[in-house]
Amino acid sequence: MSLTVRVFLTRITFGGSCVGASRLQQIATALDVPVTFFYDSDTKTREVESLLFLDSAFSLRLLRAYSKIKDQAVQRQLVTLMEAVADNE
């Protein structure tokens, strides 16, 4: 991730910058989540967790590949597999 992107994400995370509604919609669409995903009673924690996941090129590759899978049963199977692998780490 470039330094410029890191600085921007850090500013958003700590309230130094804000994301406009149209940009937030683009991000939500890219991640295949509703815009409401970014709003929660524990907003800061969710934002930080989301941004930390996106901090590596491999994570982005994984997310892009997963988002191309249209079959929800296959998506659930992959999530279950990844959780099982993570639990064994």
PDB file of N, CA and C in Angstrom:
ATOM      1  N   MET A   1       0.857  -1.162   0.000  1.00  0.00           N
ATOM      2  CA  MET A   1       0.000   0.000   0.000  1.00  0.00           C
ATOM      3  C   MET A   1       0.904   1.226   0.000  1.00  0.00           C
ATOM      4  N   SER A   2       0.559   2.188  -0.820  1.00  0.00           N
ATOM      5  CA  SER A   2       1.398   3.381  -0.923  1.00  0.00           C
ATOM      6  C   SER A   2       1.303   4.229   0.340  1.00  0.00           C
ATOM      7  N   LEU A   3       2.304   5.053   0.546  1.00  0.00           N
ATOM      8  CA  LEU A   3       2.336   5.935   1.710  1.00  0.00           C
ATOM      9  C   LEU A   3       1.143   6.888   1.699  1.00  0.00           C
ATOM     10  N   THR A   4       0.779   7.387   0.528  1.00  0.00           N
ATOM     11  CA  THR A   4      -0.352   8.306   0.415  1.00  0.00           C
ATOM     12  C   THR A   4      -1.644   7.643   0.890  1.00  0.00           C
ATOM     13  N   VAL A   5      -1.862   6.408   0.475  1.00  0.00           N
ATOM     14  CA  VAL A   5      -3.065   5.676   0.883  1.00  0.00           C
ATOM     15  C   VAL A   5      -3.037   5.425   2.387  1.00  0.00           C
ATOM     16  N   ARG A   6      -1.880   5.051   2.916  1.00  0.00           N
ATOM     17  CA  ARG A   6      -1.755   4.813   4.358  1.00  0.00           C
ATOM     18  C   ARG A   6      -2.082   6.068   5.167  1.00  0.00           C
ATOM     19  N   VAL A   7      -1.563   7.195   4.721  1.00  0.00           N
ATOM     20  CA  VAL A   7      -1.817   8.458   5.417  1.00  0.00           C
ATOM     21  C   VAL A   7      -3.307   8.782   5.369  1.00  0.00           C
ATOM     22  N   PHE A   8      -3.922   8.607   4.203  1.00  0.00           N
ATOM     23  CA  PHE A   8      -5.346   8.877   4.049  1.00  0.00           C
ATOM     24  C   PHE A   8      -6.172   7.979   4.967  1.00  0.00           C
ATOM     25  N   LEU A   9      -5.860   6.680   4.979  1.00  0.00           N
ATOM     26  CA  LEU A   9      -6.605   5.746   5.827  1.00  0.00           C
ATOM     27  C   LEU A   9      -6.401   6.051   7.309  1.00  0.00           C
ATOM     28  N   THR A  10      -5.206   6.465   7.672  1.00  0.00           N
ATOM     29  CA  THR A  10      -4.940   6.832   9.062  1.00  0.00           C
ATOM     30  C   THR A  10      -5.769   8.052   9.450  1.00  0.00           C
ATOM     31  N   ARG A  11      -5.843   9.035   8.571  1.00  0.00           N
ATOM     32  CA  ARG A  11      -6.646  10.233   8.853  1.00  0.00           C
ATOM     33  C   ARG A  11      -8.125   9.873   9.022  1.00  0.00           C
ATOM     34  N   ILE A  12      -8.627   9.007   8.172  1.00  0.00           N
ATOM     35  CA  ILE A  12     -10.029   8.588   8.281  1.00  0.00           C
ATOM     36  C   ILE A  12     -10.249   7.853   9.600  1.00  0.00           C
ATOM     37  N   THR A  13      -9.357   6.939   9.911  1.00  0.00           N
ATOM     38  CA  THR A  13      -9.493   6.119  11.112  1.00  0.00           C
ATOM     39  C   THR A  13      -9.558   6.965  12.371  1.00  0.00           C
ATOM     40  N   PHE A  14      -8.749   7.996  12.439  1.00  0.00           N
ATOM     41  CA  PHE A  14      -8.673   8.812  13.651  1.00  0.00           C
ATOM     42  C   PHE A  14      -9.446  10.117  13.556  1.00  0.00           C
ATOM     43  N   GLY A  15     -10.305  10.236  12.542  1.00  0.00           N
ATOM     44  CA  GLY A  15     -11.206  11.383  12.452  1.00  0.00           C
ATOM     45  C   GLY A  15     -10.601  12.637  11.864  1.00  0.00           C
ATOM     46  N   GLY A  16      -9.412  12.550  11.271  1.00  0.00           N
ATOM     47  CA  GLY A  16      -8.783  13.727  10.681  1.00  0.00           C
ATOM     48  C   GLY A  16      -9.324  14.066   9.313  1.00  0.00           C
ATOM     49  N   SER A  17      -9.955  13.114   8.670  1.00  0.00           N
ATOM     50  CA  SER A  17     -10.584  13.302   7.360  1.00  0.00           C
ATOM     51  C   SER A  17     -11.898  12.552   7.374  1.00  0.00           C
ATOM     52  N   CYS A  18     -12.744  12.893   6.433  1.00  0.00           N
ATOM     53  CA  CYS A  18     -13.997  12.144   6.325  1.00  0.00           C
ATOM     54  C   CYS A  18     -14.166  11.666   4.891  1.00  0.00           C
ATOM     55  N   VAL A  19     -14.952  10.631   4.752  1.00  0.00           N
ATOM     56  CA  VAL A  19     -15.247  10.065   3.447  1.00  0.00           C
ATOM     57  C   VAL A  19     -16.631  10.544   3.052  1.00  0.00           C
ATOM     58  N   GLY A  20     -16.740  11.097   1.862  1.00  0.00           N
ATOM     59  CA  GLY A  20     -18.035  11.548   1.378  1.00  0.00           C
ATOM     60  C   GLY A  20     -18.965  10.381   1.103  1.00  0.00           C
ATOM     61  N   ALA A  21     -20.241  10.688   0.996  1.00  0.00           N
ATOM     62  CA  ALA A  21     -21.258   9.654   0.794  1.00  0.00           C
ATOM     63  C   ALA A  21     -21.026   8.863  -0.494  1.00  0.00           C
ATOM     64  N   SER A  22     -20.672   9.547  -1.573  1.00  0.00           N
ATOM     65  CA  SER A  22     -20.469   8.829  -2.841  1.00  0.00           C
ATOM     66  C   SER A  22     -19.248   7.919  -2.770  1.00  0.00           C
ATOM     67  N   ARG A  23     -18.188   8.383  -2.114  1.00  0.00           N
ATOM     68  CA  ARG A  23     -16.986   7.554  -1.958  1.00  0.00           C
ATOM     69  C   ARG A  23     -17.275   6.362  -1.055  1.00  0.00           C
ATOM     70  N   LEU A  24     -18.032   6.585   0.000  1.00  0.00           N
ATOM     71  CA  LEU A  24     -18.393   5.492   0.898  1.00  0.00           C
ATOM     72  C   LEU A  24     -19.219   4.448   0.155  1.00  0.00           C
ATOM     73  N   GLN A  25     -20.108   4.901  -0.719  1.00  0.00           N
ATOM     74  CA  GLN A  25     -20.904   3.964  -1.520  1.00  0.00           C
ATOM     75  C   GLN A  25     -20.008   3.165  -2.454  1.00  0.00           C
ATOM     76  N   GLN A  26     -19.015   3.806  -3.051  1.00  0.00           N
ATOM     77  CA  GLN A  26     -18.074   3.101  -3.932  1.00  0.00           C
ATOM     78  C   GLN A  26     -17.298   2.046  -3.159  1.00  0.00           C
ATOM     79  N   ILE A  27     -16.848   2.389  -1.968  1.00  0.00           N
ATOM     80  CA  ILE A  27     -16.098   1.440  -1.139  1.00  0.00           C
ATOM     81  C   ILE A  27     -16.992   0.272  -0.756  1.00  0.00           C
ATOM     82  N   ALA A  28     -18.225   0.566  -0.347  1.00  0.00           N
ATOM     83  CA  ALA A  28     -19.165  -0.489   0.029  1.00  0.00           C
ATOM     84  C   ALA A  28     -19.439  -1.413  -1.154  1.00  0.00           C
ATOM     85  N   THR A  29     -19.609  -0.833  -2.327  1.00  0.00           N
ATOM     86  CA  THR A  29     -19.844  -1.637  -3.524  1.00  0.00           C
ATOM     87  C   THR A  29     -18.640  -2.520  -3.831  1.00  0.00           C
ATOM     88  N   ALA A  30     -17.450  -1.965  -3.740  1.00  0.00           N
ATOM     89  CA  ALA A  30     -16.231  -2.732  -4.006  1.00  0.00           C
ATOM     90  C   ALA A  30     -16.066  -3.889  -3.030  1.00  0.00           C
ATOM     91  N   LEU A  31     -16.488  -3.678  -1.789  1.00  0.00           N
ATOM     92  CA  LEU A  31     -16.364  -4.720  -0.765  1.00  0.00           C
ATOM     93  C   LEU A  31     -17.593  -5.618  -0.703  1.00  0.00           C
ATOM     94  N   ASP A  32     -18.603  -5.300  -1.510  1.00  0.00           N
ATOM     95  CA  ASP A  32     -19.857  -6.051  -1.544  1.00  0.00           C
ATOM     96  C   ASP A  32     -20.518  -6.111  -0.170  1.00  0.00           C
ATOM     97  N   VAL A  33     -20.573  -4.960   0.471  1.00  0.00           N
ATOM     98  CA  VAL A  33     -21.253  -4.835   1.768  1.00  0.00           C
ATOM     99  C   VAL A  33     -22.187  -3.632   1.698  1.00  0.00           C
ATOM    100  N   PRO A  34     -23.224  -3.603   2.522  1.00  0.00           N
ATOM    101  CA  PRO A  34     -24.076  -2.410   2.542  1.00  0.00           C
ATOM    102  C   PRO A  34     -23.343  -1.248   3.196  1.00  0.00           C
ATOM    103  N   VAL A  35     -23.733  -0.042   2.856  1.00  0.00           N
ATOM    104  CA  VAL A  35     -23.104   1.138   3.445  1.00  0.00           C
ATOM    105  C   VAL A  35     -23.231   1.100   4.965  1.00  0.00           C
ATOM    106  N   THR A  36     -24.310   0.542   5.459  1.00  0.00           N
ATOM    107  CA  THR A  36     -24.522   0.469   6.907  1.00  0.00           C
ATOM    108  C   THR A  36     -23.466  -0.383   7.607  1.00  0.00           C
ATOM    109  N   PHE A  37     -22.718  -1.183   6.844  1.00  0.00           N
ATOM    110  CA  PHE A  37     -21.620  -1.972   7.423  1.00  0.00           C
ATOM    111  C   PHE A  37     -20.639  -1.075   8.165  1.00  0.00           C
ATOM    112  N   PHE A  38     -20.472   0.137   7.672  1.00  0.00           N
ATOM    113  CA  PHE A  38     -19.494   1.048   8.245  1.00  0.00           C
ATOM    114  C   PHE A  38     -20.005   1.789   9.473  1.00  0.00           C
ATOM    115  N   TYR A  39     -21.275   1.607   9.801  1.00  0.00           N
ATOM    116  CA  TYR A  39     -21.873   2.272  10.953  1.00  0.00           C
ATOM    117  C   TYR A  39     -22.284   1.232  11.977  1.00  0.00           C
ATOM    118  N   ASP A  40     -21.846   1.432  13.192  1.00  0.00           N
ATOM    119  CA  ASP A  40     -22.123   0.490  14.255  1.00  0.00           C
ATOM    120  C   ASP A  40     -21.992   1.238  15.569  1.00  0.00           C
ATOM    121  N   SER A  41     -22.473   0.633  16.625  1.00  0.00           N
ATOM    122  CA  SER A  41     -22.298   1.271  17.928  1.00  0.00           C
ATOM    123  C   SER A  41     -20.820   1.327  18.302  1.00  0.00           C
ATOM    124  N   ASP A  42     -20.043   0.424  17.747  1.00  0.00           N
ATOM    125  CA  ASP A  42     -18.598   0.394  17.998  1.00  0.00           C
ATOM    126  C   ASP A  42     -17.878   0.709  16.689  1.00  0.00           C
ATOM    127  N   THR A  43     -18.171   1.854  16.113  1.00  0.00           N
ATOM    128  CA  THR A  43     -17.701   2.227  14.789  1.00  0.00           C
ATOM    129  C   THR A  43     -16.190   2.234  14.671  1.00  0.00           C
ATOM    130  N   LYS A  44     -15.507   2.835  15.622  1.00  0.00           N
ATOM    131  CA  LYS A  44     -14.043   2.941  15.525  1.00  0.00           C
ATOM    132  C   LYS A  44     -13.386   1.567  15.450  1.00  0.00           C
ATOM    133  N   THR A  45     -13.838   0.629  16.267  1.00  0.00           N
ATOM    134  CA  THR A  45     -13.253  -0.707  16.255  1.00  0.00           C
ATOM    135  C   THR A  45     -13.444  -1.359  14.897  1.00  0.00           C
ATOM    136  N   ARG A  46     -14.658  -1.266  14.347  1.00  0.00           N
ATOM    137  CA  ARG A  46     -14.930  -1.892  13.053  1.00  0.00           C
ATOM    138  C   ARG A  46     -14.105  -1.234  11.953  1.00  0.00           C
ATOM    139  N   GLU A  47     -13.973   0.084  11.956  1.00  0.00           N
ATOM    140  CA  GLU A  47     -13.181   0.776  10.946  1.00  0.00           C
ATOM    141  C   GLU A  47     -11.730   0.325  10.998  1.00  0.00           C
ATOM    142  N   VAL A  48     -11.172   0.282  12.187  1.00  0.00           N
ATOM    143  CA  VAL A  48      -9.767  -0.106  12.339  1.00  0.00           C
ATOM    144  C   VAL A  48      -9.563  -1.545  11.891  1.00  0.00           C
ATOM    145  N   GLU A  49     -10.448  -2.448  12.302  1.00  0.00           N
ATOM    146  CA  GLU A  49     -10.325  -3.845  11.894  1.00  0.00           C
ATOM    147  C   GLU A  49     -10.403  -3.977  10.379  1.00  0.00           C
ATOM    148  N   SER A  50     -11.319  -3.256   9.754  1.00  0.00           N
ATOM    149  CA  SER A  50     -11.469  -3.308   8.305  1.00  0.00           C
ATOM    150  C   SER A  50     -10.219  -2.793   7.609  1.00  0.00           C
ATOM    151  N   LEU A  51      -9.703  -1.683   8.074  1.00  0.00           N
ATOM    152  CA  LEU A  51      -8.525  -1.093   7.447  1.00  0.00           C
ATOM    153  C   LEU A  51      -7.291  -1.951   7.651  1.00  0.00           C
ATOM    154  N   LEU A  52      -7.154  -2.591   8.800  1.00  0.00           N
ATOM    155  CA  LEU A  52      -6.007  -3.453   9.031  1.00  0.00           C
ATOM    156  C   LEU A  52      -6.026  -4.642   8.087  1.00  0.00           C
ATOM    157  N   PHE A  53      -7.209  -5.184   7.828  1.00  0.00           N
ATOM    158  CA  PHE A  53      -7.313  -6.302   6.895  1.00  0.00           C
ATOM    159  C   PHE A  53      -6.863  -5.897   5.504  1.00  0.00           C
ATOM    160  N   LEU A  54      -7.191  -4.700   5.098  1.00  0.00           N
ATOM    161  CA  LEU A  54      -6.877  -4.238   3.753  1.00  0.00           C
ATOM    162  C   LEU A  54      -5.451  -3.717   3.629  1.00  0.00           C
ATOM    163  N   ASP A  55      -4.631  -3.938   4.631  1.00  0.00           N
ATOM    164  CA  ASP A  55      -3.288  -3.385   4.664  1.00  0.00           C
ATOM    165  C   ASP A  55      -2.281  -4.161   3.825  1.00  0.00           C
ATOM    166  N   SER A  56      -2.660  -5.286   3.257  1.00  0.00           N
ATOM    167  CA  SER A  56      -1.688  -6.026   2.456  1.00  0.00           C
ATOM    168  C   SER A  56      -2.263  -6.352   1.081  1.00  0.00           C
ATOM    169  N   ALA A  57      -1.370  -6.468   0.119  1.00  0.00           N
ATOM    170  CA  ALA A  57      -1.784  -6.786  -1.245  1.00  0.00           C
ATOM    171  C   ALA A  57      -2.451  -8.155  -1.295  1.00  0.00           C
ATOM    172  N   PHE A  58      -1.960  -9.092  -0.477  1.00  0.00           N
ATOM    173  CA  PHE A  58      -2.549 -10.426  -0.482  1.00  0.00           C
ATOM    174  C   PHE A  58      -3.985 -10.398   0.013  1.00  0.00           C
ATOM    175  N   SER A  59      -4.264  -9.601   1.029  1.00  0.00           N
ATOM    176  CA  SER A  59      -5.636  -9.475   1.535  1.00  0.00           C
ATOM    177  C   SER A  59      -6.563  -8.936   0.458  1.00  0.00           C
ATOM    178  N   LEU A  60      -6.079  -7.968  -0.291  1.00  0.00           N
ATOM    179  CA  LEU A  60      -6.893  -7.407  -1.371  1.00  0.00           C
ATOM    180  C   LEU A  60      -7.148  -8.439  -2.457  1.00  0.00           C
ATOM    181  N   ARG A  61      -6.142  -9.244  -2.778  1.00  0.00           N
ATOM    182  CA  ARG A  61      -6.319 -10.306  -3.773  1.00  0.00           C
ATOM    183  C   ARG A  61      -7.361 -11.301  -3.297  1.00  0.00           C
ATOM    184  N   LEU A  62      -7.274 -11.665  -2.026  1.00  0.00           N
ATOM    185  CA  LEU A  62      -8.225 -12.607  -1.449  1.00  0.00           C
ATOM    186  C   LEU A  62      -9.646 -12.040  -1.502  1.00  0.00           C
ATOM    187  N   LEU A  63      -9.789 -10.792  -1.131  1.00  0.00           N
ATOM    188  CA  LEU A  63     -11.097 -10.138  -1.131  1.00  0.00           C
ATOM    189  C   LEU A  63     -11.675 -10.038  -2.542  1.00  0.00           C
ATOM    190  N   ARG A  64     -10.831  -9.681  -3.494  1.00  0.00           N
ATOM    191  CA  ARG A  64     -11.307  -9.567  -4.881  1.00  0.00           C
ATOM    192  C   ARG A  64     -11.747 -10.926  -5.423  1.00  0.00           C
ATOM    193  N   ALA A  65     -10.963 -11.956  -5.142  1.00  0.00           N
ATOM    194  CA  ALA A  65     -11.323 -13.295  -5.615  1.00  0.00           C
ATOM    195  C   ALA A  65     -12.624 -13.757  -4.971  1.00  0.00           C
ATOM    196  N   TYR A  66     -12.753 -13.548  -3.679  1.00  0.00           N
ATOM    197  CA  TYR A  66     -13.965 -13.948  -2.956  1.00  0.00           C
ATOM    198  C   TYR A  66     -15.190 -13.218  -3.500  1.00  0.00           C
ATOM    199  N   SER A  67     -15.048 -11.934  -3.795  1.00  0.00           N
ATOM    200  CA  SER A  67     -16.194 -11.148  -4.260  1.00  0.00           C
ATOM    201  C   SER A  67     -16.671 -11.582  -5.643  1.00  0.00           C
ATOM    202  N   LYS A  68     -15.842 -12.295  -6.383  1.00  0.00           N
ATOM    203  CA  LYS A  68     -16.238 -12.790  -7.704  1.00  0.00           C
ATOM    204  C   LYS A  68     -17.079 -14.064  -7.616  1.00  0.00           C
ATOM    205  N   ILE A  69     -17.062 -14.708  -6.464  1.00  0.00           N
ATOM    206  CA  ILE A  69     -17.829 -15.949  -6.281  1.00  0.00           C
ATOM    207  C   ILE A  69     -19.293 -15.570  -6.065  1.00  0.00           C
ATOM    208  N   LYS A  70     -20.157 -16.035  -6.927  1.00  0.00           N
ATOM    209  CA  LYS A  70     -21.577 -15.676  -6.863  1.00  0.00           C
ATOM    210  C   LYS A  70     -22.391 -16.670  -6.035  1.00  0.00           C
ATOM    211  N   ASP A  71     -21.935 -17.897  -5.940  1.00  0.00           N
ATOM    212  CA  ASP A  71     -22.669 -18.939  -5.213  1.00  0.00           C
ATOM    213  C   ASP A  71     -22.464 -18.756  -3.705  1.00  0.00           C
ATOM    214  N   GLN A  72     -23.544 -18.423  -2.994  1.00  0.00           N
ATOM    215  CA  GLN A  72     -23.432 -18.163  -1.558  1.00  0.00           C
ATOM    216  C   GLN A  72     -23.026 -19.402  -0.772  1.00  0.00           C
ATOM    217  N   ALA A  73     -23.395 -20.572  -1.247  1.00  0.00           N
ATOM    218  CA  ALA A  73     -22.996 -21.805  -0.566  1.00  0.00           C
ATOM    219  C   ALA A  73     -21.476 -21.970  -0.628  1.00  0.00           C
ATOM    220  N   VAL A  74     -20.907 -21.659  -1.769  1.00  0.00           N
ATOM    221  CA  VAL A  74     -19.450 -21.734  -1.922  1.00  0.00           C
ATOM    222  C   VAL A  74     -18.788 -20.678  -1.045  1.00  0.00           C
ATOM    223  N   GLN A  75     -19.373 -19.469  -0.992  1.00  0.00           N
ATOM    224  CA  GLN A  75     -18.829 -18.424  -0.129  1.00  0.00           C
ATOM    225  C   GLN A  75     -18.809 -18.891   1.326  1.00  0.00           C
ATOM    226  N   ARG A  76     -19.909 -19.474   1.785  1.00  0.00           N
ATOM    227  CA  ARG A  76     -19.974 -19.957   3.178  1.00  0.00           C
ATOM    228  C   ARG A  76     -18.938 -21.045   3.432  1.00  0.00           C
ATOM    229  N   GLN A  77     -18.763 -21.944   2.454  1.00  0.00           N
ATOM    230  CA  GLN A  77     -17.776 -23.013   2.608  1.00  0.00           C
ATOM    231  C   GLN A  77     -16.362 -22.445   2.724  1.00  0.00           C
ATOM    232  N   LEU A  78     -16.066 -21.440   1.920  1.00  0.00           N
ATOM    233  CA  LEU A  78     -14.738 -20.817   1.993  1.00  0.00           C
ATOM    234  C   LEU A  78     -14.513 -20.126   3.332  1.00  0.00           C
ATOM    235  N   VAL A  79     -15.528 -19.428   3.818  1.00  0.00           N
ATOM    236  CA  VAL A  79     -15.403 -18.762   5.120  1.00  0.00           C
ATOM    237  C   VAL A  79     -15.182 -19.801   6.211  1.00  0.00           C
ATOM    238  N   THR A  80     -15.940 -20.880   6.174  1.00  0.00           N
ATOM    239  CA  THR A  80     -15.777 -21.950   7.163  1.00  0.00           C
ATOM    240  C   THR A  80     -14.375 -22.539   7.088  1.00  0.00           C
ATOM    241  N   LEU A  81     -13.880 -22.766   5.886  1.00  0.00           N
ATOM    242  CA  LEU A  81     -12.527 -23.296   5.704  1.00  0.00           C
ATOM    243  C   LEU A  81     -11.478 -22.336   6.256  1.00  0.00           C
ATOM    244  N   MET A  82     -11.606 -21.048   5.931  1.00  0.00           N
ATOM    245  CA  MET A  82     -10.624 -20.068   6.416  1.00  0.00           C
ATOM    246  C   MET A  82     -10.659 -19.949   7.929  1.00  0.00           C
ATOM    247  N   GLU A  83     -11.852 -19.986   8.507  1.00  0.00           N
ATOM    248  CA  GLU A  83     -11.953 -19.919   9.972  1.00  0.00           C
ATOM    249  C   GLU A  83     -11.307 -21.137  10.610  1.00  0.00           C
ATOM    250  N   ALA A  84     -11.496 -22.314  10.011  1.00  0.00           N
ATOM    251  CA  ALA A  84     -10.894 -23.534  10.561  1.00  0.00           C
ATOM    252  C   ALA A  84      -9.371 -23.454  10.470  1.00  0.00           C
ATOM    253  N   VAL A  85      -8.855 -22.990   9.365  1.00  0.00           N
ATOM    254  CA  VAL A  85      -7.403 -22.847   9.213  1.00  0.00           C
ATOM    255  C   VAL A  85      -6.869 -21.840  10.216  1.00  0.00           C
ATOM    256  N   ALA A  86      -7.555 -20.712  10.377  1.00  0.00           N
ATOM    257  CA  ALA A  86      -7.123 -19.677  11.321  1.00  0.00           C
ATOM    258  C   ALA A  86      -7.139 -20.191  12.758  1.00  0.00           C
ATOM    259  N   ASP A  87      -8.132 -21.004  13.096  1.00  0.00           N
ATOM    260  CA  ASP A  87      -8.210 -21.557  14.451  1.00  0.00           C
ATOM    261  C   ASP A  87      -7.071 -22.516  14.751  1.00  0.00           C
ATOM    262  N   ASN A  88      -6.500 -23.115  13.717  1.00  0.00           N
ATOM    263  CA  ASN A  88      -5.397 -24.059  13.899  1.00  0.00           C
ATOM    264  C   ASN A  88      -4.027 -23.407  13.873  1.00  0.00           C
ATOM    265  N   GLU A  89      -3.994 -22.100  13.639  1.00  0.00           N
ATOM    266  CA  GLU A  89      -2.715 -21.367  13.608  1.00  0.00           C
ATOM    267  C   GLU A  89      -2.204 -21.125  15.002  1.00  0.00           C
TER     268      GLU A  89
END
